[in-house]
Structure formats: C-alpha cells, structure tokens
Amino acid sequence: MRCDKFLNAVNITKRRAVAEDMLAHQVVFVNNLPVKKSKEIKIGDIIEIRYLERSEKFKVLQIPTTKSTPKSKMAEYVEKLEGGK
C-alpha cells in the first residue's frame, strides 16, 4: 500500500491530503529514509513522523485491505514505538 494511503487508512493522519503534505515536506521517514507518497509500505517497516519538537514512530504490523479502518482497530495495524523526541 502507498505511504500516503497507509497513513490515512490506519488513522495516523486525519486526511490523505494531510499525509500528502507531510510527505511533500519530508517529515515522514520509513526505515530512517525520507520517502515520497508513492513509497510502498510493507509489514515490519518503521514509520517515523518528525514534528518540530517531537517525533512519533510506528511499526507496521499489518496492511489494511480497506480504504479506512476504525480508530479503535489502529493497534491491529501499527504499534506505536517509544523513543521519539
């Protein structure tokens, strides 16, 4: 699944346009590399979002098969990792 669609589908971002903007400004990293919105996300990838004063890391557990998932099911798809700033 494309990075922009994944961020939106698992509720890391509220809208796909927000995900696309974050990717365009290179604040999203997959396995410590800045990525474009077309980057394919795979199980086991580490996604890091670097905000101005902090960062959040997520480990991909599953790839959703639907366009969106309930917020309550987020933990099935990503695991929030400790170690952000």
PDB file of N, CA and C in Angstrom:
ATOM      1  N   MET A   1       0.845  -1.179   0.000  1.00  0.00           N
ATOM      2  CA  MET A   1       0.000   0.000   0.000  1.00  0.00           C
ATOM      3  C   MET A   1       0.891   1.243   0.000  1.00  0.00           C
ATOM      4  N   ARG A   2       0.479   2.254  -0.768  1.00  0.00           N
ATOM      5  CA  ARG A   2       1.241   3.503  -0.833  1.00  0.00           C
ATOM      6  C   ARG A   2       1.285   4.180   0.536  1.00  0.00           C
ATOM      7  N   CYS A   3       2.361   4.891   0.803  1.00  0.00           N
ATOM      8  CA  CYS A   3       2.571   5.528   2.107  1.00  0.00           C
ATOM      9  C   CYS A   3       1.453   6.510   2.454  1.00  0.00           C
ATOM     10  N   ASP A   4       1.064   7.372   1.503  1.00  0.00           N
ATOM     11  CA  ASP A   4       0.021   8.350   1.809  1.00  0.00           C
ATOM     12  C   ASP A   4      -1.306   7.671   2.140  1.00  0.00           C
ATOM     13  N   LYS A   5      -1.651   6.624   1.421  1.00  0.00           N
ATOM     14  CA  LYS A   5      -2.889   5.897   1.684  1.00  0.00           C
ATOM     15  C   LYS A   5      -2.814   5.151   3.012  1.00  0.00           C
ATOM     16  N   PHE A   6      -1.640   4.586   3.323  1.00  0.00           N
ATOM     17  CA  PHE A   6      -1.475   3.847   4.574  1.00  0.00           C
ATOM     18  C   PHE A   6      -1.641   4.769   5.786  1.00  0.00           C
ATOM     19  N   LEU A   7      -0.980   5.938   5.758  1.00  0.00           N
ATOM     20  CA  LEU A   7      -1.072   6.861   6.886  1.00  0.00           C
ATOM     21  C   LEU A   7      -2.511   7.246   7.166  1.00  0.00           C
ATOM     22  N   ASN A   8      -3.292   7.422   6.113  1.00  0.00           N
ATOM     23  CA  ASN A   8      -4.697   7.781   6.273  1.00  0.00           C
ATOM     24  C   ASN A   8      -5.538   6.575   6.681  1.00  0.00           C
ATOM     25  N   ALA A   9      -5.306   5.423   6.080  1.00  0.00           N
ATOM     26  CA  ALA A   9      -6.128   4.237   6.339  1.00  0.00           C
ATOM     27  C   ALA A   9      -6.043   3.756   7.778  1.00  0.00           C
ATOM     28  N   VAL A  10      -4.869   3.898   8.402  1.00  0.00           N
ATOM     29  CA  VAL A  10      -4.708   3.415   9.782  1.00  0.00           C
ATOM     30  C   VAL A  10      -4.833   4.542  10.803  1.00  0.00           C
ATOM     31  N   ASN A  11      -5.306   5.689  10.364  1.00  0.00           N
ATOM     32  CA  ASN A  11      -5.619   6.825  11.234  1.00  0.00           C
ATOM     33  C   ASN A  11      -4.409   7.491  11.885  1.00  0.00           C
ATOM     34  N   ILE A  12      -3.260   7.431  11.238  1.00  0.00           N
ATOM     35  CA  ILE A  12      -2.114   8.204  11.725  1.00  0.00           C
ATOM     36  C   ILE A  12      -2.343   9.671  11.360  1.00  0.00           C
ATOM     37  N   THR A  13      -2.900   9.923  10.179  1.00  0.00           N
ATOM     38  CA  THR A  13      -3.319  11.275   9.792  1.00  0.00           C
ATOM     39  C   THR A  13      -4.831  11.272   9.597  1.00  0.00           C
ATOM     40  N   LYS A  14      -5.442  12.443   9.778  1.00  0.00           N
ATOM     41  CA  LYS A  14      -6.899  12.530   9.666  1.00  0.00           C
ATOM     42  C   LYS A  14      -7.381  12.489   8.221  1.00  0.00           C
ATOM     43  N   ARG A  15      -6.588  13.076   7.329  1.00  0.00           N
ATOM     44  CA  ARG A  15      -6.971  13.115   5.923  1.00  0.00           C
ATOM     45  C   ARG A  15      -5.774  12.764   5.056  1.00  0.00           C
ATOM     46  N   ARG A  16      -6.068  12.226   3.878  1.00  0.00           N
ATOM     47  CA  ARG A  16      -4.985  11.864   2.960  1.00  0.00           C
ATOM     48  C   ARG A  16      -4.226  13.101   2.494  1.00  0.00           C
ATOM     49  N   ALA A  17      -4.918  14.228   2.353  1.00  0.00           N
ATOM     50  CA  ALA A  17      -4.258  15.469   1.942  1.00  0.00           C
ATOM     51  C   ALA A  17      -3.206  15.890   2.973  1.00  0.00           C
ATOM     52  N   VAL A  18      -3.484  15.648   4.244  1.00  0.00           N
ATOM     53  CA  VAL A  18      -2.515  15.958   5.298  1.00  0.00           C
ATOM     54  C   VAL A  18      -1.293  15.055   5.148  1.00  0.00           C
ATOM     55  N   ALA A  19      -1.530  13.774   4.890  1.00  0.00           N
ATOM     56  CA  ALA A  19      -0.421  12.826   4.686  1.00  0.00           C
ATOM     57  C   ALA A  19       0.423  13.245   3.488  1.00  0.00           C
ATOM     58  N   GLU A  20      -0.235  13.634   2.389  1.00  0.00           N
ATOM     59  CA  GLU A  20       0.497  14.053   1.193  1.00  0.00           C
ATOM     60  C   GLU A  20       1.343  15.294   1.470  1.00  0.00           C
ATOM     61  N   ASP A  21       0.805  16.236   2.242  1.00  0.00           N
ATOM     62  CA  ASP A  21       1.549  17.452   2.591  1.00  0.00           C
ATOM     63  C   ASP A  21       2.766  17.121   3.457  1.00  0.00           C
ATOM     64  N   MET A  22       2.582  16.230   4.416  1.00  0.00           N
ATOM     65  CA  MET A  22       3.702  15.822   5.284  1.00  0.00           C
ATOM     66  C   MET A  22       4.797  15.135   4.461  1.00  0.00           C
ATOM     67  N   LEU A  23       4.400  14.305   3.526  1.00  0.00           N
ATOM     68  CA  LEU A  23       5.370  13.615   2.675  1.00  0.00           C
ATOM     69  C   LEU A  23       6.086  14.593   1.752  1.00  0.00           C
ATOM     70  N   ALA A  24       5.364  15.592   1.235  1.00  0.00           N
ATOM     71  CA  ALA A  24       5.969  16.597   0.350  1.00  0.00           C
ATOM     72  C   ALA A  24       7.012  17.429   1.090  1.00  0.00           C
ATOM     73  N   HIS A  25       6.790  17.654   2.393  1.00  0.00           N
ATOM     74  CA  HIS A  25       7.721  18.451   3.193  1.00  0.00           C
ATOM     75  C   HIS A  25       8.768  17.591   3.906  1.00  0.00           C
ATOM     76  N   GLN A  26       8.838  16.331   3.557  1.00  0.00           N
ATOM     77  CA  GLN A  26       9.837  15.385   4.053  1.00  0.00           C
ATOM     78  C   GLN A  26       9.928  15.326   5.577  1.00  0.00           C
ATOM     79  N   VAL A  27       8.784  15.145   6.215  1.00  0.00           N
ATOM     80  CA  VAL A  27       8.774  14.925   7.662  1.00  0.00           C
ATOM     81  C   VAL A  27       8.422  13.474   7.986  1.00  0.00           C
ATOM     82  N   VAL A  28       8.150  12.674   6.936  1.00  0.00           N
ATOM     83  CA  VAL A  28       7.845  11.258   7.119  1.00  0.00           C
ATOM     84  C   VAL A  28       9.039  10.435   6.625  1.00  0.00           C
ATOM     85  N   PHE A  29       9.486   9.535   7.499  1.00  0.00           N
ATOM     86  CA  PHE A  29      10.631   8.679   7.190  1.00  0.00           C
ATOM     87  C   PHE A  29      10.202   7.221   7.349  1.00  0.00           C
ATOM     88  N   VAL A  30      10.634   6.385   6.435  1.00  0.00           N
ATOM     89  CA  VAL A  30      10.395   4.944   6.542  1.00  0.00           C
ATOM     90  C   VAL A  30      11.767   4.289   6.608  1.00  0.00           C
ATOM     91  N   ASN A  31      12.004   3.580   7.700  1.00  0.00           N
ATOM     92  CA  ASN A  31      13.310   2.944   7.943  1.00  0.00           C
ATOM     93  C   ASN A  31      14.442   3.970   7.842  1.00  0.00           C
ATOM     94  N   ASN A  32      14.229   5.137   8.438  1.00  0.00           N
ATOM     95  CA  ASN A  32      15.190   6.252   8.526  1.00  0.00           C
ATOM     96  C   ASN A  32      15.505   6.924   7.198  1.00  0.00           C
ATOM     97  N   LEU A  33      14.687   6.732   6.179  1.00  0.00           N
ATOM     98  CA  LEU A  33      14.881   7.404   4.896  1.00  0.00           C
ATOM     99  C   LEU A  33      13.654   8.250   4.575  1.00  0.00           C
ATOM    100  N   PRO A  34      13.852   9.516   4.142  1.00  0.00           N
ATOM    101  CA  PRO A  34      12.687  10.314   3.738  1.00  0.00           C
ATOM    102  C   PRO A  34      12.044   9.677   2.506  1.00  0.00           C
ATOM    103  N   VAL A  35      10.719   9.696   2.458  1.00  0.00           N
ATOM    104  CA  VAL A  35      10.022   8.999   1.381  1.00  0.00           C
ATOM    105  C   VAL A  35       9.035   9.902   0.660  1.00  0.00           C
ATOM    106  N   LYS A  36       8.668   9.475  -0.543  1.00  0.00           N
ATOM    107  CA  LYS A  36       7.621  10.134  -1.317  1.00  0.00           C
ATOM    108  C   LYS A  36       6.312   9.391  -1.080  1.00  0.00           C
ATOM    109  N   LYS A  37       5.214  10.013  -1.516  1.00  0.00           N
ATOM    110  CA  LYS A  37       3.908   9.410  -1.245  1.00  0.00           C
ATOM    111  C   LYS A  37       3.701   8.068  -1.930  1.00  0.00           C
ATOM    112  N   SER A  38       4.446   7.795  -2.980  1.00  0.00           N
ATOM    113  CA  SER A  38       4.282   6.541  -3.715  1.00  0.00           C
ATOM    114  C   SER A  38       5.050   5.369  -3.096  1.00  0.00           C
ATOM    115  N   LYS A  39       5.819   5.606  -2.037  1.00  0.00           N
ATOM    116  CA  LYS A  39       6.594   4.538  -1.384  1.00  0.00           C
ATOM    117  C   LYS A  39       5.659   3.439  -0.894  1.00  0.00           C
ATOM    118  N   GLU A  40       5.973   2.200  -1.259  1.00  0.00           N
ATOM    119  CA  GLU A  40       5.173   1.059  -0.822  1.00  0.00           C
ATOM    120  C   GLU A  40       5.541   0.689   0.620  1.00  0.00           C
ATOM    121  N   ILE A  41       4.542   0.598   1.469  1.00  0.00           N
ATOM    122  CA  ILE A  41       4.731   0.233   2.871  1.00  0.00           C
ATOM    123  C   ILE A  41       4.586  -1.282   2.993  1.00  0.00           C
ATOM    124  N   LYS A  42       5.496  -1.900   3.748  1.00  0.00           N
ATOM    125  CA  LYS A  42       5.480  -3.348   3.943  1.00  0.00           C
ATOM    126  C   LYS A  42       5.421  -3.662   5.440  1.00  0.00           C
ATOM    127  N   ILE A  43       4.996  -4.853   5.757  1.00  0.00           N
ATOM    128  CA  ILE A  43       4.970  -5.303   7.157  1.00  0.00           C
ATOM    129  C   ILE A  43       6.390  -5.281   7.701  1.00  0.00           C
ATOM    130  N   GLY A  44       6.562  -4.720   8.899  1.00  0.00           N
ATOM    131  CA  GLY A  44       7.875  -4.637   9.529  1.00  0.00           C
ATOM    132  C   GLY A  44       8.551  -3.291   9.355  1.00  0.00           C
ATOM    133  N   ASP A  45       8.060  -2.455   8.431  1.00  0.00           N
ATOM    134  CA  ASP A  45       8.640  -1.120   8.250  1.00  0.00           C
ATOM    135  C   ASP A  45       8.434  -0.275   9.502  1.00  0.00           C
ATOM    136  N   ILE A  46       9.387   0.622   9.749  1.00  0.00           N
ATOM    137  CA  ILE A  46       9.274   1.582  10.841  1.00  0.00           C
ATOM    138  C   ILE A  46       8.996   2.948  10.217  1.00  0.00           C
ATOM    139  N   ILE A  47       7.853   3.529  10.546  1.00  0.00           N
ATOM    140  CA  ILE A  47       7.476   4.846  10.039  1.00  0.00           C
ATOM    141  C   ILE A  47       7.716   5.860  11.142  1.00  0.00           C
ATOM    142  N   GLU A  48       8.449   6.913  10.817  1.00  0.00           N
ATOM    143  CA  GLU A  48       8.710   7.981  11.785  1.00  0.00           C
ATOM    144  C   GLU A  48       8.188   9.289  11.211  1.00  0.00           C
ATOM    145  N   ILE A  49       7.444  10.016  12.039  1.00  0.00           N
ATOM    146  CA  ILE A  49       6.970  11.342  11.663  1.00  0.00           C
ATOM    147  C   ILE A  49       7.686  12.330  12.568  1.00  0.00           C
ATOM    148  N   ARG A  50       8.466  13.215  11.958  1.00  0.00           N
ATOM    149  CA  ARG A  50       9.258  14.184  12.714  1.00  0.00           C
ATOM    150  C   ARG A  50       8.563  15.541  12.711  1.00  0.00           C
ATOM    151  N   TYR A  51       7.951  15.853  13.853  1.00  0.00           N
ATOM    152  CA  TYR A  51       7.333  17.153  14.043  1.00  0.00           C
ATOM    153  C   TYR A  51       8.420  18.127  14.470  1.00  0.00           C
ATOM    154  N   LEU A  52       8.076  19.399  14.683  1.00  0.00           N
ATOM    155  CA  LEU A  52       9.090  20.390  15.049  1.00  0.00           C
ATOM    156  C   LEU A  52       9.778  20.066  16.362  1.00  0.00           C
ATOM    157  N   GLU A  53       9.012  19.686  17.383  1.00  0.00           N
ATOM    158  CA  GLU A  53       9.604  19.486  18.708  1.00  0.00           C
ATOM    159  C   GLU A  53       9.579  18.040  19.192  1.00  0.00           C
ATOM    160  N   ARG A  54       9.031  17.149  18.387  1.00  0.00           N
ATOM    161  CA  ARG A  54       8.965  15.749  18.810  1.00  0.00           C
ATOM    162  C   ARG A  54       8.850  14.865  17.573  1.00  0.00           C
ATOM    163  N   SER A  55       8.946  13.578  17.795  1.00  0.00           N
ATOM    164  CA  SER A  55       8.727  12.640  16.696  1.00  0.00           C
ATOM    165  C   SER A  55       7.936  11.451  17.220  1.00  0.00           C
ATOM    166  N   GLU A  56       7.244  10.785  16.309  1.00  0.00           N
ATOM    167  CA  GLU A  56       6.485   9.585  16.653  1.00  0.00           C
ATOM    168  C   GLU A  56       6.927   8.466  15.726  1.00  0.00           C
ATOM    169  N   LYS A  57       7.067   7.266  16.288  1.00  0.00           N
ATOM    170  CA  LYS A  57       7.471   6.108  15.487  1.00  0.00           C
ATOM    171  C   LYS A  57       6.397   5.035  15.581  1.00  0.00           C
ATOM    172  N   PHE A  58       6.180   4.380  14.447  1.00  0.00           N
ATOM    173  CA  PHE A  58       5.193   3.311  14.361  1.00  0.00           C
ATOM    174  C   PHE A  58       5.807   2.127  13.621  1.00  0.00           C
ATOM    175  N   LYS A  59       5.528   0.925  14.102  1.00  0.00           N
ATOM    176  CA  LYS A  59       5.951  -0.292  13.405  1.00  0.00           C
ATOM    177  C   LYS A  59       4.723  -0.867  12.704  1.00  0.00           C
ATOM    178  N   VAL A  60       4.876  -1.181  11.431  1.00  0.00           N
ATOM    179  CA  VAL A  60       3.770  -1.718  10.637  1.00  0.00           C
ATOM    180  C   VAL A  60       3.576  -3.190  10.978  1.00  0.00           C
ATOM    181  N   LEU A  61       2.377  -3.540  11.453  1.00  0.00           N
ATOM    182  CA  LEU A  61       2.055  -4.923  11.810  1.00  0.00           C
ATOM    183  C   LEU A  61       1.259  -5.631  10.721  1.00  0.00           C
ATOM    184  N   GLN A  62       0.369  -4.873  10.066  1.00  0.00           N
ATOM    185  CA  GLN A  62      -0.490  -5.411   9.008  1.00  0.00           C
ATOM    186  C   GLN A  62      -0.752  -4.323   7.989  1.00  0.00           C
ATOM    187  N   ILE A  63      -1.097  -4.731   6.792  1.00  0.00           N
ATOM    188  CA  ILE A  63      -1.516  -3.790   5.760  1.00  0.00           C
ATOM    189  C   ILE A  63      -3.036  -3.899   5.646  1.00  0.00           C
ATOM    190  N   PRO A  64      -3.771  -2.795   5.822  1.00  0.00           N
ATOM    191  CA  PRO A  64      -5.235  -2.885   5.722  1.00  0.00           C
ATOM    192  C   PRO A  64      -5.677  -3.213   4.297  1.00  0.00           C
ATOM    193  N   THR A  65      -6.787  -3.917   4.206  1.00  0.00           N
ATOM    194  CA  THR A  65      -7.331  -4.264   2.896  1.00  0.00           C
ATOM    195  C   THR A  65      -8.428  -3.292   2.471  1.00  0.00           C
ATOM    196  N   THR A  66      -8.849  -2.431   3.388  1.00  0.00           N
ATOM    197  CA  THR A  66      -9.890  -1.448   3.083  1.00  0.00           C
ATOM    198  C   THR A  66      -9.299  -0.048   3.077  1.00  0.00           C
ATOM    199  N   LYS A  67     -10.073   0.894   2.523  1.00  0.00           N
ATOM    200  CA  LYS A  67      -9.604   2.270   2.395  1.00  0.00           C
ATOM    201  C   LYS A  67      -9.478   2.975   3.743  1.00  0.00           C
ATOM    202  N   SER A  68     -10.308   2.583   4.696  1.00  0.00           N
ATOM    203  CA  SER A  68     -10.227   3.170   6.033  1.00  0.00           C
ATOM    204  C   SER A  68     -10.541   2.106   7.072  1.00  0.00           C
ATOM    205  N   THR A  69     -10.034   2.335   8.270  1.00  0.00           N
ATOM    206  CA  THR A  69     -10.268   1.412   9.371  1.00  0.00           C
ATOM    207  C   THR A  69     -10.756   2.214  10.567  1.00  0.00           C
ATOM    208  N   PRO A  70     -11.535   1.599  11.447  1.00  0.00           N
ATOM    209  CA  PRO A  70     -11.968   2.322  12.653  1.00  0.00           C
ATOM    210  C   PRO A  70     -10.766   2.663  13.530  1.00  0.00           C
ATOM    211  N   LYS A  71     -10.841   3.801  14.175  1.00  0.00           N
ATOM    212  CA  LYS A  71      -9.743   4.234  15.041  1.00  0.00           C
ATOM    213  C   LYS A  71      -9.470   3.199  16.139  1.00  0.00           C
ATOM    214  N   SER A  72     -10.510   2.518  16.578  1.00  0.00           N
ATOM    215  CA  SER A  72     -10.357   1.509  17.632  1.00  0.00           C
ATOM    216  C   SER A  72      -9.528   0.305  17.163  1.00  0.00           C
ATOM    217  N   LYS A  73      -9.385   0.121  15.863  1.00  0.00           N
ATOM    218  CA  LYS A  73      -8.617  -1.012  15.312  1.00  0.00           C
ATOM    219  C   LYS A  73      -7.193  -0.612  14.931  1.00  0.00           C
ATOM    220  N   MET A  74      -6.775   0.606  15.230  1.00  0.00           N
ATOM    221  CA  MET A  74      -5.447   1.090  14.841  1.00  0.00           C
ATOM    222  C   MET A  74      -4.330   0.171  15.346  1.00  0.00           C
ATOM    223  N   ALA A  75      -4.473  -0.349  16.567  1.00  0.00           N
ATOM    224  CA  ALA A  75      -3.429  -1.190  17.168  1.00  0.00           C
ATOM    225  C   ALA A  75      -3.222  -2.505  16.412  1.00  0.00           C
ATOM    226  N   GLU A  76      -4.187  -2.905  15.595  1.00  0.00           N
ATOM    227  CA  GLU A  76      -4.021  -4.129  14.807  1.00  0.00           C
ATOM    228  C   GLU A  76      -3.067  -3.907  13.631  1.00  0.00           C
ATOM    229  N   TYR A  77      -2.932  -2.650  13.205  1.00  0.00           N
ATOM    230  CA  TYR A  77      -2.151  -2.344  12.008  1.00  0.00           C
ATOM    231  C   TYR A  77      -0.781  -1.722  12.310  1.00  0.00           C
ATOM    232  N   VAL A  78      -0.705  -0.923  13.373  1.00  0.00           N
ATOM    233  CA  VAL A  78       0.569  -0.311  13.744  1.00  0.00           C
ATOM    234  C   VAL A  78       0.771  -0.383  15.243  1.00  0.00           C
ATOM    235  N   GLU A  79       2.034  -0.484  15.626  1.00  0.00           N
ATOM    236  CA  GLU A  79       2.414  -0.449  17.041  1.00  0.00           C
ATOM    237  C   GLU A  79       3.197   0.836  17.250  1.00  0.00           C
ATOM    238  N   LYS A  80       2.742   1.660  18.188  1.00  0.00           N
ATOM    239  CA  LYS A  80       3.452   2.896  18.489  1.00  0.00           C
ATOM    240  C   LYS A  80       4.684   2.551  19.313  1.00  0.00           C
ATOM    241  N   LEU A  81       5.836   3.010  18.837  1.00  0.00           N
ATOM    242  CA  LEU A  81       7.104   2.699  19.499  1.00  0.00           C
ATOM    243  C   LEU A  81       7.545   3.851  20.397  1.00  0.00           C
ATOM    244  N   GLU A  82       8.246   3.512  21.451  1.00  0.00           N
ATOM    245  CA  GLU A  82       8.834   4.520  22.326  1.00  0.00           C
ATOM    246  C   GLU A  82      10.144   4.997  21.702  1.00  0.00           C
ATOM    247  N   GLY A  83      10.640   6.106  22.172  1.00  0.00           N
ATOM    248  CA  GLY A  83      11.925   6.570  21.686  1.00  0.00           C
ATOM    249  C   GLY A  83      11.837   7.815  20.830  1.00  0.00           C
ATOM    250  N   GLY A  84      10.638   8.370  20.669  1.00  0.00           N
ATOM    251  CA  GLY A  84      10.519   9.636  19.955  1.00  0.00           C
ATOM    252  C   GLY A  84      11.025  10.759  20.821  1.00  0.00           C
ATOM    253  N   LYS A  85      11.353  11.893  20.207  1.00  0.00           N
ATOM    254  CA  LYS A  85      11.897  13.035  20.955  1.00  0.00           C
ATOM    255  C   LYS A  85      10.815  13.696  21.775  1.00  0.00           C
TER     256      LYS A  85
END
